[in-house]
Amino acid sequence: MNKVLLIIILLTSISIFSQSKSETEKWIVEKYNEYESSVNHTRELIFDDGYIYYLWIFADNYGYWTQLPITEIKNIKIHHKKFDANDTEGWDVITLYYNKNKSKTKDAKPSENSYYEISESTSFEIKLSHNFIDDGLKPRMEKALIHLVKSYGGNATIKKEPF
């Protein structure tokens, strides 16, 4: 009986000291806003009711909203990506991977037909400035995203290169 009580107390105390869903979401958005890619400031990252929403706009001001249940995130990869072969700056990217037909997209420009449609995509990229990784935020962001997915009942892993 004492062992069971001790285990319950330990499990309860562990959950007391972890960040809440809303604190984690707030921190992720805060870091996103702080390190948003300078290439295009028309992107937006929102968490709402168990979903992640990401707005991405192309250079010609046309783009999409992506909607994904947080529990559907299966892998997370944070890496540097170059603009092109000659690029010296590029940007850092958070890539979220999930199974086909789990995300939805809609046009960024509101219209009569502005509704979410199921997407066949299996990932999307959240672009950040090129110094996000250099400033040491990669492991912290990985930890925050994993914590968030688990707190919603999902199970994500960090996607690493094999070599």
N, C-alpha and C. Protein backbone atom coordinates (compact mmCIF):
# COMPACT_ATOMS: atom_id res chain seq x y z
N MET A 1 0.82 -1.19 0.00
CA MET A 1 0.00 0.00 0.00
C MET A 1 0.87 1.27 0.00
N ASN A 2 1.93 1.26 0.83
CA ASN A 2 2.82 2.42 0.88
C ASN A 2 3.55 2.65 -0.44
N LYS A 3 3.91 1.57 -1.13
CA LYS A 3 4.59 1.69 -2.41
C LYS A 3 3.67 2.31 -3.45
N VAL A 4 2.40 1.90 -3.45
CA VAL A 4 1.43 2.45 -4.40
C VAL A 4 1.23 3.93 -4.13
N LEU A 5 1.11 4.31 -2.89
CA LEU A 5 0.95 5.71 -2.51
C LEU A 5 2.17 6.53 -2.92
N LEU A 6 3.35 5.99 -2.72
CA LEU A 6 4.58 6.67 -3.11
C LEU A 6 4.65 6.88 -4.63
N ILE A 7 4.27 5.87 -5.39
CA ILE A 7 4.26 5.98 -6.85
C ILE A 7 3.27 7.05 -7.31
N ILE A 8 2.11 7.08 -6.72
CA ILE A 8 1.09 8.09 -7.07
C ILE A 8 1.62 9.49 -6.77
N ILE A 9 2.25 9.65 -5.62
CA ILE A 9 2.80 10.96 -5.25
C ILE A 9 3.89 11.37 -6.23
N LEU A 10 4.78 10.45 -6.58
CA LEU A 10 5.85 10.76 -7.52
C LEU A 10 5.31 11.15 -8.90
N LEU A 11 4.35 10.40 -9.40
CA LEU A 11 3.76 10.71 -10.71
C LEU A 11 3.04 12.05 -10.69
N THR A 12 2.35 12.34 -9.62
CA THR A 12 1.65 13.61 -9.50
C THR A 12 2.64 14.77 -9.45
N SER A 13 3.72 14.60 -8.69
CA SER A 13 4.70 15.69 -8.58
C SER A 13 5.44 15.93 -9.89
N ILE A 14 5.65 14.89 -10.67
CA ILE A 14 6.31 15.07 -11.96
C ILE A 14 5.45 15.93 -12.88
N SER A 15 4.15 15.67 -12.92
CA SER A 15 3.28 16.44 -13.81
C SER A 15 3.08 17.87 -13.33
N ILE A 16 3.25 18.11 -12.03
CA ILE A 16 3.10 19.46 -11.49
C ILE A 16 4.18 20.38 -12.04
N PHE A 17 5.39 19.86 -12.25
CA PHE A 17 6.51 20.70 -12.64
C PHE A 17 6.70 20.83 -14.15
N SER A 18 5.91 20.16 -14.95
CA SER A 18 6.06 20.30 -16.40
C SER A 18 5.22 21.48 -16.89
N GLN A 19 5.59 21.98 -18.04
CA GLN A 19 4.88 23.11 -18.63
C GLN A 19 3.49 22.68 -19.10
N SER A 20 2.53 23.57 -18.99
CA SER A 20 1.18 23.27 -19.47
C SER A 20 1.15 23.36 -20.99
N LYS A 21 0.07 22.87 -21.58
CA LYS A 21 -0.09 22.98 -23.03
C LYS A 21 -0.01 24.43 -23.47
N SER A 22 -0.77 25.28 -22.79
CA SER A 22 -0.82 26.69 -23.21
C SER A 22 0.53 27.38 -23.01
N GLU A 23 1.27 27.05 -21.94
CA GLU A 23 2.59 27.64 -21.74
C GLU A 23 3.55 27.19 -22.86
N THR A 24 3.46 25.92 -23.22
CA THR A 24 4.32 25.39 -24.28
C THR A 24 3.97 26.04 -25.62
N GLU A 25 2.69 26.11 -25.94
CA GLU A 25 2.26 26.75 -27.20
C GLU A 25 2.71 28.21 -27.24
N LYS A 26 2.55 28.90 -26.13
CA LYS A 26 2.93 30.31 -26.06
C LYS A 26 4.44 30.47 -26.30
N TRP A 27 5.26 29.59 -25.69
CA TRP A 27 6.70 29.67 -25.87
C TRP A 27 7.09 29.40 -27.32
N ILE A 28 6.47 28.39 -27.93
CA ILE A 28 6.78 28.06 -29.33
C ILE A 28 6.45 29.24 -30.24
N VAL A 29 5.29 29.85 -30.06
CA VAL A 29 4.89 31.01 -30.88
C VAL A 29 5.82 32.19 -30.61
N GLU A 30 6.18 32.39 -29.35
CA GLU A 30 7.10 33.48 -29.00
C GLU A 30 8.44 33.33 -29.73
N LYS A 31 8.99 32.12 -29.72
CA LYS A 31 10.27 31.88 -30.40
C LYS A 31 10.09 31.97 -31.92
N TYR A 32 8.97 31.50 -32.42
CA TYR A 32 8.69 31.63 -33.85
C TYR A 32 8.69 33.11 -34.24
N ASN A 33 7.97 33.92 -33.49
CA ASN A 33 7.88 35.36 -33.80
C ASN A 33 9.24 36.04 -33.68
N GLU A 34 10.03 35.61 -32.70
CA GLU A 34 11.36 36.19 -32.51
C GLU A 34 12.31 35.83 -33.64
N TYR A 35 12.17 34.61 -34.17
CA TYR A 35 13.09 34.12 -35.20
C TYR A 35 12.40 33.94 -36.56
N GLU A 36 11.32 34.62 -36.78
CA GLU A 36 10.60 34.49 -38.04
C GLU A 36 11.53 34.82 -39.21
N SER A 37 11.39 34.07 -40.27
CA SER A 37 12.22 34.27 -41.44
C SER A 37 12.06 35.67 -41.99
N SER A 38 13.18 36.31 -42.26
CA SER A 38 13.14 37.67 -42.81
C SER A 38 12.76 37.68 -44.29
N VAL A 39 12.73 36.50 -44.90
CA VAL A 39 12.40 36.40 -46.32
C VAL A 39 10.97 36.87 -46.56
N ASN A 40 10.08 36.52 -45.66
CA ASN A 40 8.67 36.86 -45.86
C ASN A 40 7.98 36.93 -44.51
N HIS A 41 7.61 38.13 -44.09
CA HIS A 41 6.97 38.32 -42.79
C HIS A 41 5.45 38.14 -42.84
N THR A 42 4.93 37.51 -43.86
CA THR A 42 3.48 37.31 -43.95
C THR A 42 3.09 35.91 -43.50
N ARG A 43 3.96 35.25 -42.79
CA ARG A 43 3.63 33.93 -42.26
C ARG A 43 3.10 34.09 -40.85
N GLU A 44 2.34 33.09 -40.40
CA GLU A 44 1.77 33.15 -39.06
C GLU A 44 1.65 31.75 -38.50
N LEU A 45 1.93 31.59 -37.21
CA LEU A 45 1.83 30.32 -36.52
C LEU A 45 0.85 30.49 -35.36
N ILE A 46 -0.17 29.62 -35.32
CA ILE A 46 -1.22 29.70 -34.30
C ILE A 46 -1.50 28.30 -33.76
N PHE A 47 -1.71 28.21 -32.46
CA PHE A 47 -2.21 26.99 -31.84
C PHE A 47 -3.60 27.29 -31.31
N ASP A 48 -4.55 26.38 -31.58
CA ASP A 48 -5.90 26.60 -31.09
C ASP A 48 -6.63 25.26 -30.96
N ASP A 49 -7.08 24.97 -29.78
CA ASP A 49 -7.93 23.82 -29.49
C ASP A 49 -7.38 22.50 -30.05
N GLY A 50 -6.08 22.26 -29.82
CA GLY A 50 -5.48 21.00 -30.25
C GLY A 50 -5.01 20.97 -31.69
N TYR A 51 -5.04 22.11 -32.36
CA TYR A 51 -4.60 22.19 -33.76
C TYR A 51 -3.46 23.20 -33.87
N ILE A 52 -2.60 22.96 -34.87
CA ILE A 52 -1.59 23.92 -35.26
C ILE A 52 -2.02 24.47 -36.62
N TYR A 53 -1.96 25.79 -36.76
CA TYR A 53 -2.29 26.46 -38.01
C TYR A 53 -1.05 27.22 -38.46
N TYR A 54 -0.72 27.09 -39.73
CA TYR A 54 0.44 27.81 -40.26
C TYR A 54 0.08 28.44 -41.59
N LEU A 55 0.30 29.74 -41.66
CA LEU A 55 0.06 30.50 -42.89
C LEU A 55 1.38 30.68 -43.60
N TRP A 56 1.42 30.29 -44.85
CA TRP A 56 2.62 30.55 -45.65
C TRP A 56 2.21 31.20 -46.96
N ILE A 57 2.93 32.26 -47.28
CA ILE A 57 2.63 33.08 -48.46
C ILE A 57 3.83 33.02 -49.40
N PHE A 58 3.54 32.85 -50.68
CA PHE A 58 4.59 32.88 -51.70
C PHE A 58 4.97 34.32 -52.01
N ALA A 59 6.00 34.48 -52.81
CA ALA A 59 6.49 35.81 -53.19
C ALA A 59 5.42 36.62 -53.93
N ASP A 60 4.52 35.94 -54.63
CA ASP A 60 3.50 36.67 -55.38
C ASP A 60 2.24 36.91 -54.54
N ASN A 61 2.39 36.84 -53.21
CA ASN A 61 1.30 37.10 -52.26
C ASN A 61 0.16 36.10 -52.36
N TYR A 62 0.44 34.91 -52.83
CA TYR A 62 -0.56 33.85 -52.84
C TYR A 62 -0.07 32.74 -51.94
N GLY A 63 -0.95 32.18 -51.14
CA GLY A 63 -0.51 31.13 -50.23
C GLY A 63 -1.66 30.38 -49.60
N TYR A 64 -1.34 29.63 -48.56
CA TYR A 64 -2.30 28.73 -47.93
C TYR A 64 -2.19 28.76 -46.41
N TRP A 65 -3.27 28.43 -45.77
CA TRP A 65 -3.28 28.07 -44.36
C TRP A 65 -3.20 26.55 -44.31
N THR A 66 -2.38 26.03 -43.42
CA THR A 66 -2.34 24.59 -43.16
C THR A 66 -2.89 24.37 -41.76
N GLN A 67 -3.76 23.38 -41.62
CA GLN A 67 -4.34 23.02 -40.33
C GLN A 67 -3.99 21.56 -40.05
N LEU A 68 -3.49 21.28 -38.85
CA LEU A 68 -3.09 19.91 -38.51
C LEU A 68 -3.38 19.65 -37.03
N PRO A 69 -4.06 18.53 -36.72
CA PRO A 69 -4.20 18.17 -35.30
C PRO A 69 -2.82 17.89 -34.72
N ILE A 70 -2.53 18.45 -33.57
CA ILE A 70 -1.21 18.28 -32.96
C ILE A 70 -0.91 16.81 -32.71
N THR A 71 -1.92 16.01 -32.40
CA THR A 71 -1.70 14.58 -32.13
C THR A 71 -1.23 13.82 -33.36
N GLU A 72 -1.42 14.39 -34.55
CA GLU A 72 -1.03 13.71 -35.80
C GLU A 72 0.43 13.92 -36.16
N ILE A 73 1.14 14.79 -35.46
CA ILE A 73 2.56 15.00 -35.74
C ILE A 73 3.32 13.74 -35.33
N LYS A 74 4.02 13.14 -36.27
CA LYS A 74 4.74 11.88 -36.02
C LYS A 74 6.25 12.09 -35.88
N ASN A 75 6.81 12.99 -36.66
CA ASN A 75 8.25 13.27 -36.63
C ASN A 75 8.47 14.76 -36.71
N ILE A 76 9.57 15.19 -36.11
CA ILE A 76 9.96 16.59 -36.12
C ILE A 76 11.42 16.66 -36.54
N LYS A 77 11.72 17.55 -37.46
CA LYS A 77 13.11 17.74 -37.89
C LYS A 77 13.39 19.23 -37.96
N ILE A 78 14.44 19.64 -37.27
CA ILE A 78 14.87 21.04 -37.33
C ILE A 78 16.24 21.06 -37.99
N HIS A 79 16.34 21.79 -39.09
CA HIS A 79 17.57 21.76 -39.89
C HIS A 79 17.75 23.06 -40.64
N HIS A 80 18.94 23.23 -41.18
CA HIS A 80 19.24 24.41 -42.00
C HIS A 80 18.93 24.08 -43.46
N LYS A 81 18.37 25.03 -44.16
CA LYS A 81 18.04 24.84 -45.57
C LYS A 81 18.55 26.05 -46.34
N LYS A 82 19.19 25.79 -47.47
CA LYS A 82 19.73 26.88 -48.29
C LYS A 82 18.71 27.34 -49.32
N PHE A 83 18.81 28.62 -49.68
CA PHE A 83 17.96 29.16 -50.75
C PHE A 83 18.28 28.47 -52.07
N ASP A 84 19.59 28.35 -52.36
CA ASP A 84 20.06 27.71 -53.59
C ASP A 84 21.51 27.27 -53.37
N ALA A 85 22.13 26.72 -54.39
CA ALA A 85 23.49 26.18 -54.26
C ALA A 85 24.52 27.24 -53.88
N ASN A 86 24.30 28.49 -54.25
CA ASN A 86 25.24 29.56 -53.96
C ASN A 86 24.95 30.28 -52.65
N ASP A 87 23.93 29.85 -51.96
CA ASP A 87 23.48 30.56 -50.78
C ASP A 87 24.46 30.44 -49.62
N THR A 88 24.68 31.54 -48.94
CA THR A 88 25.52 31.53 -47.76
C THR A 88 24.70 31.73 -46.49
N GLU A 89 23.45 32.13 -46.62
CA GLU A 89 22.64 32.41 -45.44
C GLU A 89 21.54 31.38 -45.26
N GLY A 90 20.57 31.34 -46.16
CA GLY A 90 19.47 30.39 -46.06
C GLY A 90 18.57 30.66 -44.88
N TRP A 91 17.91 29.62 -44.39
CA TRP A 91 17.05 29.75 -43.23
C TRP A 91 17.05 28.43 -42.48
N ASP A 92 16.59 28.47 -41.25
CA ASP A 92 16.41 27.27 -40.47
C ASP A 92 14.94 26.88 -40.57
N VAL A 93 14.68 25.58 -40.54
CA VAL A 93 13.35 25.07 -40.82
C VAL A 93 12.94 24.05 -39.77
N ILE A 94 11.71 24.15 -39.30
CA ILE A 94 11.09 23.10 -38.50
C ILE A 94 10.17 22.36 -39.46
N THR A 95 10.45 21.09 -39.72
CA THR A 95 9.59 20.30 -40.58
C THR A 95 8.79 19.35 -39.71
N LEU A 96 7.48 19.41 -39.86
CA LEU A 96 6.57 18.53 -39.14
C LEU A 96 6.07 17.47 -40.12
N TYR A 97 6.23 16.21 -39.74
CA TYR A 97 5.82 15.08 -40.59
C TYR A 97 4.60 14.41 -39.98
N TYR A 98 3.71 13.95 -40.85
CA TYR A 98 2.48 13.30 -40.42
C TYR A 98 2.01 12.39 -41.54
N ASN A 99 1.01 11.59 -41.27
CA ASN A 99 0.49 10.67 -42.29
C ASN A 99 -0.36 11.41 -43.31
N LYS A 100 -0.42 10.88 -44.50
CA LYS A 100 -1.20 11.44 -45.61
C LYS A 100 -2.66 11.62 -45.20
N ASN A 101 -3.27 12.67 -45.67
CA ASN A 101 -4.69 13.00 -45.45
C ASN A 101 -5.01 13.39 -44.02
N LYS A 102 -4.04 13.80 -43.23
CA LYS A 102 -4.29 14.24 -41.86
C LYS A 102 -4.32 15.75 -41.73
N SER A 103 -3.76 16.45 -42.70
CA SER A 103 -3.77 17.91 -42.66
C SER A 103 -4.82 18.43 -43.62
N LYS A 104 -5.14 19.70 -43.43
CA LYS A 104 -6.08 20.38 -44.33
C LYS A 104 -5.46 21.71 -44.73
N THR A 105 -5.84 22.19 -45.91
CA THR A 105 -5.36 23.49 -46.37
C THR A 105 -6.53 24.31 -46.90
N LYS A 106 -6.32 25.62 -46.91
CA LYS A 106 -7.28 26.52 -47.55
C LYS A 106 -6.52 27.74 -48.05
N ASP A 107 -7.10 28.42 -49.02
CA ASP A 107 -6.49 29.62 -49.58
C ASP A 107 -6.30 30.66 -48.49
N ALA A 108 -5.20 31.38 -48.55
CA ALA A 108 -4.92 32.43 -47.58
C ALA A 108 -5.80 33.65 -47.79
N LYS A 109 -6.17 33.89 -49.04
CA LYS A 109 -7.04 35.03 -49.33
C LYS A 109 -8.49 34.61 -49.14
N PRO A 110 -9.20 35.26 -48.21
CA PRO A 110 -10.60 34.88 -48.00
C PRO A 110 -11.44 35.06 -49.26
N SER A 111 -12.32 34.10 -49.49
CA SER A 111 -13.24 34.18 -50.62
C SER A 111 -14.49 33.38 -50.27
N GLU A 112 -15.42 33.31 -51.20
CA GLU A 112 -16.64 32.54 -50.97
C GLU A 112 -16.32 31.06 -50.73
N ASN A 113 -15.28 30.58 -51.39
CA ASN A 113 -14.90 29.17 -51.29
C ASN A 113 -13.74 28.95 -50.32
N SER A 114 -13.62 29.81 -49.31
CA SER A 114 -12.49 29.72 -48.39
C SER A 114 -12.80 28.74 -47.26
N TYR A 115 -12.57 27.48 -47.54
CA TYR A 115 -12.78 26.43 -46.55
C TYR A 115 -11.63 25.44 -46.63
N TYR A 116 -11.44 24.70 -45.57
CA TYR A 116 -10.34 23.73 -45.53
C TYR A 116 -10.68 22.49 -46.33
N GLU A 117 -9.71 22.01 -47.09
CA GLU A 117 -9.83 20.77 -47.84
C GLU A 117 -8.73 19.82 -47.39
N ILE A 118 -9.00 18.53 -47.38
CA ILE A 118 -8.00 17.54 -46.98
C ILE A 118 -6.82 17.61 -47.95
N SER A 119 -5.62 17.60 -47.39
CA SER A 119 -4.39 17.69 -48.17
C SER A 119 -3.73 16.32 -48.24
N GLU A 120 -3.09 16.04 -49.35
CA GLU A 120 -2.35 14.79 -49.50
C GLU A 120 -0.90 14.93 -49.03
N SER A 121 -0.54 16.10 -48.59
CA SER A 121 0.82 16.34 -48.11
C SER A 121 1.12 15.51 -46.87
N THR A 122 2.39 15.23 -46.64
CA THR A 122 2.80 14.48 -45.45
C THR A 122 3.77 15.29 -44.57
N SER A 123 3.94 16.58 -44.89
CA SER A 123 4.80 17.43 -44.07
C SER A 123 4.55 18.89 -44.43
N PHE A 124 4.95 19.76 -43.53
CA PHE A 124 5.05 21.17 -43.89
C PHE A 124 6.21 21.79 -43.12
N GLU A 125 6.73 22.87 -43.67
CA GLU A 125 7.91 23.53 -43.11
C GLU A 125 7.53 24.85 -42.49
N ILE A 126 8.07 25.09 -41.31
CA ILE A 126 7.93 26.37 -40.63
C ILE A 126 9.29 27.05 -40.76
N LYS A 127 9.36 28.12 -41.53
CA LYS A 127 10.64 28.76 -41.82
C LYS A 127 11.00 29.78 -40.73
N LEU A 128 12.27 29.74 -40.33
CA LEU A 128 12.81 30.64 -39.31
C LEU A 128 14.07 31.31 -39.85
N SER A 129 14.55 32.31 -39.15
CA SER A 129 15.78 32.98 -39.59
C SER A 129 16.96 32.02 -39.49
N HIS A 130 18.01 32.33 -40.22
CA HIS A 130 19.16 31.44 -40.33
C HIS A 130 19.95 31.30 -39.02
N ASN A 131 19.67 32.10 -38.00
CA ASN A 131 20.44 32.00 -36.76
C ASN A 131 19.69 31.29 -35.63
N PHE A 132 18.54 30.70 -35.91
CA PHE A 132 17.77 29.97 -34.90
C PHE A 132 18.60 28.82 -34.31
N ILE A 133 19.20 28.00 -35.16
CA ILE A 133 20.01 26.87 -34.70
C ILE A 133 21.30 27.38 -34.05
N ASP A 134 21.95 28.38 -34.68
CA ASP A 134 23.19 28.93 -34.13
C ASP A 134 23.01 29.49 -32.72
N ASP A 135 21.83 30.00 -32.42
CA ASP A 135 21.55 30.55 -31.09
C ASP A 135 21.19 29.47 -30.07
N GLY A 136 21.26 28.21 -30.48
CA GLY A 136 21.07 27.10 -29.55
C GLY A 136 19.63 26.71 -29.27
N LEU A 137 18.71 27.13 -30.12
CA LEU A 137 17.30 26.86 -29.84
C LEU A 137 16.79 25.53 -30.39
N LYS A 138 17.58 24.86 -31.21
CA LYS A 138 17.12 23.59 -31.80
C LYS A 138 16.73 22.57 -30.73
N PRO A 139 17.59 22.23 -29.75
CA PRO A 139 17.18 21.21 -28.77
C PRO A 139 16.01 21.65 -27.90
N ARG A 140 15.94 22.92 -27.60
CA ARG A 140 14.82 23.42 -26.78
C ARG A 140 13.51 23.33 -27.55
N MET A 141 13.53 23.68 -28.83
CA MET A 141 12.32 23.61 -29.65
C MET A 141 11.90 22.17 -29.85
N GLU A 142 12.85 21.28 -30.09
CA GLU A 142 12.53 19.85 -30.23
C GLU A 142 11.83 19.36 -28.96
N LYS A 143 12.39 19.69 -27.82
CA LYS A 143 11.82 19.27 -26.54
C LYS A 143 10.42 19.84 -26.35
N ALA A 144 10.24 21.10 -26.69
CA ALA A 144 8.93 21.74 -26.53
C ALA A 144 7.89 21.10 -27.44
N LEU A 145 8.26 20.84 -28.70
CA LEU A 145 7.31 20.23 -29.63
C LEU A 145 6.95 18.81 -29.22
N ILE A 146 7.93 18.03 -28.80
CA ILE A 146 7.66 16.66 -28.33
C ILE A 146 6.74 16.71 -27.11
N HIS A 147 7.04 17.60 -26.18
CA HIS A 147 6.20 17.75 -24.98
C HIS A 147 4.76 18.12 -25.36
N LEU A 148 4.61 19.03 -26.31
CA LEU A 148 3.28 19.46 -26.72
C LEU A 148 2.49 18.31 -27.34
N VAL A 149 3.12 17.58 -28.25
CA VAL A 149 2.44 16.45 -28.90
C VAL A 149 2.02 15.42 -27.85
N LYS A 150 2.92 15.10 -26.94
CA LYS A 150 2.61 14.12 -25.89
C LYS A 150 1.51 14.62 -24.95
N SER A 151 1.51 15.91 -24.66
CA SER A 151 0.50 16.45 -23.75
C SER A 151 -0.90 16.39 -24.36
N TYR A 152 -0.97 16.34 -25.69
CA TYR A 152 -2.26 16.17 -26.37
C TYR A 152 -2.60 14.70 -26.61
N GLY A 153 -1.69 13.79 -26.23
CA GLY A 153 -1.96 12.36 -26.37
C GLY A 153 -1.34 11.73 -27.60
N GLY A 154 -0.53 12.48 -28.33
CA GLY A 154 0.16 11.94 -29.51
C GLY A 154 1.52 11.37 -29.14
N ASN A 155 2.24 10.93 -30.15
CA ASN A 155 3.56 10.35 -29.93
C ASN A 155 4.46 10.70 -31.11
N ALA A 156 5.29 11.71 -30.93
CA ALA A 156 6.20 12.15 -32.00
C ALA A 156 7.63 11.84 -31.60
N THR A 157 8.49 11.74 -32.61
CA THR A 157 9.92 11.53 -32.39
C THR A 157 10.69 12.57 -33.18
N ILE A 158 11.95 12.72 -32.82
CA ILE A 158 12.84 13.61 -33.56
C ILE A 158 13.40 12.83 -34.73
N LYS A 159 13.24 13.38 -35.93
CA LYS A 159 13.75 12.73 -37.13
C LYS A 159 15.21 13.12 -37.30
N LYS A 160 16.07 12.14 -37.27
CA LYS A 160 17.51 12.39 -37.39
C LYS A 160 18.03 11.71 -38.64
N GLU A 161 19.09 12.29 -39.16
CA GLU A 161 19.75 11.71 -40.33
C GLU A 161 20.44 10.42 -39.90
N PRO A 162 20.46 9.38 -40.76
CA PRO A 162 21.08 8.12 -40.37
C PRO A 162 22.60 8.19 -40.19
N PHE A 163 23.25 9.11 -40.86
CA PHE A 163 24.71 9.23 -40.74
C PHE A 163 25.09 10.66 -40.50
